[in-house]
Amino acid sequence: MKILDWYILKRYLLTFLMMILLFIPIGITVHLAEKIGKILEREAPFGEVMLYLLDFTVYFAHLLFPLFLFLSVIWFTSKLANNTEIVAFLSSGVSFSRFLRPYIIGATIVGLISIVLGLYLAPNASKGFNDFQYKYLKGKKSTQNQKLFKQINDNEII
């Protein structure tokens, strides 16, 4: 790989990483702000809350991985175009397919990360995330009331 490839690949992957590092804490903060009342009300242990937030981070990252990838590619390519770097690359004799090679390599790297995240990390995180929600946030639903009645009028009961 040449200097051009390393330059594009490095900026592409750094932009993707920055998108993840900027948006994930916002998602965690919003989610925690929604759930903090129930967490405090049900007195969940601190260690379990931290594991829940770690599981939520992996779950949320996996859920929005394609969106982060799309936004980072658009952001990075628009910055290249704004600095007229694409014009300089193409006018120096580099073919367009050769210019896209670092994008393909970066997409392969991100795709492999996504596969590992989706096959190994996200299922375990989703299980821990859902277990905590059922245990502390949603509570147990009472199904002991088997004889429920509603009186429509004086003579009819459903």
C-alpha atoms as a PDB file:
ATOM      1  CA  MET A   1       0.000   0.000   0.000  1.00  0.00           C
ATOM      2  CA  LYS A   2       1.169   3.452  -0.818  1.00  0.00           C
ATOM      3  CA  ILE A   3       1.091   6.693   1.122  1.00  0.00           C
ATOM      4  CA  LEU A   4      -2.247   7.658  -0.436  1.00  0.00           C
ATOM      5  CA  ASP A   5      -3.827   4.401   0.710  1.00  0.00           C
ATOM      6  CA  TRP A   6      -2.563   4.759   4.265  1.00  0.00           C
ATOM      7  CA  TYR A   7      -3.703   8.393   4.397  1.00  0.00           C
ATOM      8  CA  ILE A   8      -7.239   7.607   3.250  1.00  0.00           C
ATOM      9  CA  LEU A   9      -7.531   4.423   5.323  1.00  0.00           C
ATOM     10  CA  LYS A  10      -6.255   6.102   8.476  1.00  0.00           C
ATOM     11  CA  ARG A  11      -8.605   9.073   8.136  1.00  0.00           C
ATOM     12  CA  TYR A  12     -11.523   6.775   7.230  1.00  0.00           C
ATOM     13  CA  LEU A  13     -11.070   4.537  10.273  1.00  0.00           C
ATOM     14  CA  LEU A  14     -10.348   7.441  12.625  1.00  0.00           C
ATOM     15  CA  THR A  15     -13.515   9.195  11.505  1.00  0.00           C
ATOM     16  CA  PHE A  16     -15.494   6.004  12.140  1.00  0.00           C
ATOM     17  CA  LEU A  17     -13.908   5.595  15.567  1.00  0.00           C
ATOM     18  CA  MET A  18     -14.639   9.217  16.456  1.00  0.00           C
ATOM     19  CA  MET A  19     -18.286   8.794  15.432  1.00  0.00           C
ATOM     20  CA  ILE A  20     -18.585   5.829  17.764  1.00  0.00           C
ATOM     21  CA  LEU A  21     -16.748   7.565  20.600  1.00  0.00           C
ATOM     22  CA  LEU A  22     -18.914  10.672  20.269  1.00  0.00           C
ATOM     23  CA  PHE A  23     -22.352   9.101  19.897  1.00  0.00           C
ATOM     24  CA  ILE A  24     -22.162   6.142  22.290  1.00  0.00           C
ATOM     25  CA  PRO A  25     -21.750   8.283  25.455  1.00  0.00           C
ATOM     26  CA  ILE A  26     -24.713  10.401  24.365  1.00  0.00           C
ATOM     27  CA  GLY A  27     -26.830   7.262  23.981  1.00  0.00           C
ATOM     28  CA  ILE A  28     -25.692   5.968  27.375  1.00  0.00           C
ATOM     29  CA  THR A  29     -26.512   9.279  29.035  1.00  0.00           C
ATOM     30  CA  VAL A  30     -29.985   9.472  27.505  1.00  0.00           C
ATOM     31  CA  HIS A  31     -30.723   5.838  28.368  1.00  0.00           C
ATOM     32  CA  LEU A  32     -29.478   6.247  31.932  1.00  0.00           C
ATOM     33  CA  ALA A  33     -31.501   9.457  32.351  1.00  0.00           C
ATOM     34  CA  GLU A  34     -34.637   7.522  31.356  1.00  0.00           C
ATOM     35  CA  LYS A  35     -33.972   4.550  33.633  1.00  0.00           C
ATOM     36  CA  ILE A  36     -32.295   6.135  36.683  1.00  0.00           C
ATOM     37  CA  GLY A  37     -35.560   6.508  38.586  1.00  0.00           C
ATOM     38  CA  LYS A  38     -36.424   2.820  38.379  1.00  0.00           C
ATOM     39  CA  ILE A  39     -32.829   1.781  39.070  1.00  0.00           C
ATOM     40  CA  LEU A  40     -32.782   3.817  42.287  1.00  0.00           C
ATOM     41  CA  GLU A  41     -36.321   2.787  43.209  1.00  0.00           C
ATOM     42  CA  ARG A  42     -35.556  -0.933  42.881  1.00  0.00           C
ATOM     43  CA  GLU A  43     -32.139  -0.485  44.581  1.00  0.00           C
ATOM     44  CA  ALA A  44     -30.084  -2.289  41.947  1.00  0.00           C
ATOM     45  CA  PRO A  45     -26.499  -3.030  43.065  1.00  0.00           C
ATOM     46  CA  PHE A  46     -23.839  -0.720  41.640  1.00  0.00           C
ATOM     47  CA  GLY A  47     -21.837  -3.571  40.090  1.00  0.00           C
ATOM     48  CA  GLU A  48     -24.863  -4.876  38.238  1.00  0.00           C
ATOM     49  CA  VAL A  49     -25.708  -1.373  37.012  1.00  0.00           C
ATOM     50  CA  MET A  50     -22.178  -0.995  35.624  1.00  0.00           C
ATOM     51  CA  LEU A  51     -22.433  -4.375  33.872  1.00  0.00           C
ATOM     52  CA  TYR A  52     -25.833  -3.312  32.540  1.00  0.00           C
ATOM     53  CA  LEU A  53     -24.341  -0.109  31.121  1.00  0.00           C
ATOM     54  CA  LEU A  54     -21.457  -2.064  29.575  1.00  0.00           C
ATOM     55  CA  ASP A  55     -23.930  -4.473  28.003  1.00  0.00           C
ATOM     56  CA  PHE A  56     -26.018  -1.528  26.821  1.00  0.00           C
ATOM     57  CA  THR A  57     -22.923   0.033  25.247  1.00  0.00           C
ATOM     58  CA  VAL A  58     -22.188  -3.098  23.212  1.00  0.00           C
ATOM     59  CA  TYR A  59     -25.879  -3.532  22.361  1.00  0.00           C
ATOM     60  CA  PHE A  60     -26.234   0.121  21.306  1.00  0.00           C
ATOM     61  CA  ALA A  61     -22.995   0.110  19.304  1.00  0.00           C
ATOM     62  CA  HIS A  62     -24.071  -3.030  17.456  1.00  0.00           C
ATOM     63  CA  LEU A  63     -27.500  -1.575  16.812  1.00  0.00           C
ATOM     64  CA  LEU A  64     -26.187   1.671  15.329  1.00  0.00           C
ATOM     65  CA  PHE A  65     -22.992   0.328  13.737  1.00  0.00           C
ATOM     66  CA  PRO A  66     -24.285   0.673  10.141  1.00  0.00           C
ATOM     67  CA  LEU A  67     -25.503   4.207  10.782  1.00  0.00           C
ATOM     68  CA  PHE A  68     -22.138   5.229  12.255  1.00  0.00           C
ATOM     69  CA  LEU A  69     -20.384   3.695   9.263  1.00  0.00           C
ATOM     70  CA  PHE A  70     -22.605   5.551   6.810  1.00  0.00           C
ATOM     71  CA  LEU A  71     -22.209   8.877   8.592  1.00  0.00           C
ATOM     72  CA  SER A  72     -18.457   8.533   8.903  1.00  0.00           C
ATOM     73  CA  VAL A  73     -18.026   7.730   5.200  1.00  0.00           C
ATOM     74  CA  ILE A  74     -20.171  10.709   4.223  1.00  0.00           C
ATOM     75  CA  TRP A  75     -18.371  13.000   6.676  1.00  0.00           C
ATOM     76  CA  PHE A  76     -14.892  11.838   5.673  1.00  0.00           C
ATOM     77  CA  THR A  77     -15.531  11.971   1.924  1.00  0.00           C
ATOM     78  CA  SER A  78     -17.131  15.395   2.149  1.00  0.00           C
ATOM     79  CA  LYS A  79     -14.091  16.682   4.047  1.00  0.00           C
ATOM     80  CA  LEU A  80     -11.828  15.265   1.340  1.00  0.00           C
ATOM     81  CA  ALA A  81     -13.951  16.923  -1.328  1.00  0.00           C
ATOM     82  CA  ASN A  82     -14.102  20.195   0.581  1.00  0.00           C
ATOM     83  CA  ASN A  83     -10.301  20.323   0.770  1.00  0.00           C
ATOM     84  CA  THR A  84     -10.175  19.441  -2.965  1.00  0.00           C
ATOM     85  CA  GLU A  85      -8.047  16.406  -2.131  1.00  0.00           C
ATOM     86  CA  ILE A  86     -10.147  14.135  -4.349  1.00  0.00           C
ATOM     87  CA  VAL A  87      -9.548  16.417  -7.318  1.00  0.00           C
ATOM     88  CA  ALA A  88      -5.806  16.397  -6.598  1.00  0.00           C
ATOM     89  CA  PHE A  89      -5.732  12.594  -6.340  1.00  0.00           C
ATOM     90  CA  LEU A  90      -7.652  12.034  -9.549  1.00  0.00           C
ATOM     91  CA  SER A  91      -5.811  14.716 -11.522  1.00  0.00           C
ATOM     92  CA  SER A  92      -2.455  13.228 -10.532  1.00  0.00           C
ATOM     93  CA  GLY A  93      -3.266  10.184 -12.643  1.00  0.00           C
ATOM     94  CA  VAL A  94      -4.760   7.904  -9.995  1.00  0.00           C
ATOM     95  CA  SER A  95      -7.729   6.044 -11.410  1.00  0.00           C
ATOM     96  CA  PHE A  96     -11.038   6.190  -9.584  1.00  0.00           C
ATOM     97  CA  SER A  97     -11.027   2.452  -8.887  1.00  0.00           C
ATOM     98  CA  ARG A  98      -7.503   2.794  -7.458  1.00  0.00           C
ATOM     99  CA  PHE A  99      -8.735   5.721  -5.352  1.00  0.00           C
ATOM    100  CA  LEU A 100     -11.516   3.518  -3.931  1.00  0.00           C
ATOM    101  CA  ARG A 101      -9.150   0.719  -2.838  1.00  0.00           C
ATOM    102  CA  PRO A 102      -8.631   2.139   0.703  1.00  0.00           C
ATOM    103  CA  TYR A 103     -12.401   2.444   1.060  1.00  0.00           C
ATOM    104  CA  ILE A 104     -12.780  -1.240   0.191  1.00  0.00           C
ATOM    105  CA  ILE A 105     -10.020  -2.224   2.618  1.00  0.00           C
ATOM    106  CA  GLY A 106     -11.585  -0.078   5.350  1.00  0.00           C
ATOM    107  CA  ALA A 107     -15.014  -1.534   4.661  1.00  0.00           C
ATOM    108  CA  THR A 108     -13.549  -5.031   4.969  1.00  0.00           C
ATOM    109  CA  ILE A 109     -11.936  -4.176   8.315  1.00  0.00           C
ATOM    110  CA  VAL A 110     -15.132  -2.611   9.643  1.00  0.00           C
ATOM    111  CA  GLY A 111     -17.176  -5.525   8.267  1.00  0.00           C
ATOM    112  CA  LEU A 112     -14.988  -8.053  10.101  1.00  0.00           C
ATOM    113  CA  ILE A 113     -15.347  -6.042  13.316  1.00  0.00           C
ATOM    114  CA  SER A 114     -19.102  -5.968  12.771  1.00  0.00           C
ATOM    115  CA  ILE A 115     -19.226  -9.736  12.259  1.00  0.00           C
ATOM    116  CA  VAL A 116     -17.262 -10.378  15.457  1.00  0.00           C
ATOM    117  CA  LEU A 117     -19.452  -7.887  17.313  1.00  0.00           C
ATOM    118  CA  GLY A 118     -22.647  -9.406  15.939  1.00  0.00           C
ATOM    119  CA  LEU A 119     -21.761 -13.065  16.400  1.00  0.00           C
ATOM    120  CA  TYR A 120     -19.893 -13.084  19.690  1.00  0.00           C
ATOM    121  CA  LEU A 121     -20.217  -9.893  21.713  1.00  0.00           C
ATOM    122  CA  ALA A 122     -23.724  -8.596  20.994  1.00  0.00           C
ATOM    123  CA  PRO A 123     -25.659 -11.789  21.882  1.00  0.00           C
ATOM    124  CA  ASN A 124     -24.023 -12.006  25.313  1.00  0.00           C
ATOM    125  CA  ALA A 125     -24.481  -8.283  25.869  1.00  0.00           C
ATOM    126  CA  SER A 126     -28.095  -8.485  24.780  1.00  0.00           C
ATOM    127  CA  LYS A 127     -28.716 -11.340  27.190  1.00  0.00           C
ATOM    128  CA  GLY A 128     -27.198  -9.407  30.107  1.00  0.00           C
ATOM    129  CA  PHE A 129     -29.025  -6.245  29.055  1.00  0.00           C
ATOM    130  CA  ASN A 130     -32.400  -8.005  28.904  1.00  0.00           C
ATOM    131  CA  ASP A 131     -31.821  -9.938  32.138  1.00  0.00           C
ATOM    132  CA  PHE A 132     -31.155  -6.715  34.036  1.00  0.00           C
ATOM    133  CA  GLN A 133     -34.218  -5.071  32.513  1.00  0.00           C
ATOM    134  CA  TYR A 134     -36.489  -7.946  33.508  1.00  0.00           C
ATOM    135  CA  LYS A 135     -34.963  -8.213  36.966  1.00  0.00           C
ATOM    136  CA  TYR A 136     -34.835  -4.535  37.973  1.00  0.00           C
ATOM    137  CA  LEU A 137     -36.631  -2.311  35.478  1.00  0.00           C
ATOM    138  CA  LYS A 138     -39.749  -4.063  34.233  1.00  0.00           C
ATOM    139  CA  GLY A 139     -40.570  -5.945  37.385  1.00  0.00           C
ATOM    140  CA  LYS A 140     -42.642  -9.053  37.657  1.00  0.00           C
ATOM    141  CA  LYS A 141     -46.139  -9.019  36.292  1.00  0.00           C
ATOM    142  CA  SER A 142     -48.754 -10.553  38.502  1.00  0.00           C
ATOM    143  CA  THR A 143     -50.650 -13.388  36.851  1.00  0.00           C
ATOM    144  CA  GLN A 144     -52.349 -14.626  39.996  1.00  0.00           C
ATOM    145  CA  ASN A 145     -55.641 -12.864  39.269  1.00  0.00           C
ATOM    146  CA  GLN A 146     -57.415 -15.516  37.274  1.00  0.00           C
ATOM    147  CA  LYS A 147     -60.963 -14.445  38.038  1.00  0.00           C
ATOM    148  CA  LEU A 148     -61.308 -10.942  36.675  1.00  0.00           C
ATOM    149  CA  PHE A 149     -64.801  -9.536  36.262  1.00  0.00           C
ATOM    150  CA  LYS A 150     -66.261  -6.341  34.920  1.00  0.00           C
ATOM    151  CA  GLN A 151     -69.821  -5.301  35.621  1.00  0.00           C
ATOM    152  CA  ILE A 152     -71.484  -3.743  32.581  1.00  0.00           C
ATOM    153  CA  ASN A 153     -74.851  -3.047  34.230  1.00  0.00           C
ATOM    154  CA  ASP A 154     -76.838  -4.336  37.178  1.00  0.00           C
ATOM    155  CA  ASN A 155     -77.561  -7.722  35.589  1.00  0.00           C
ATOM    156  CA  GLU A 156     -74.499  -8.413  33.374  1.00  0.00           C
ATOM    157  CA  ILE A 157     -70.983  -9.289  34.484  1.00  0.00           C
ATOM    158  CA  ILE A 158     -68.176 -10.131  32.063  1.00  0.00           C
END
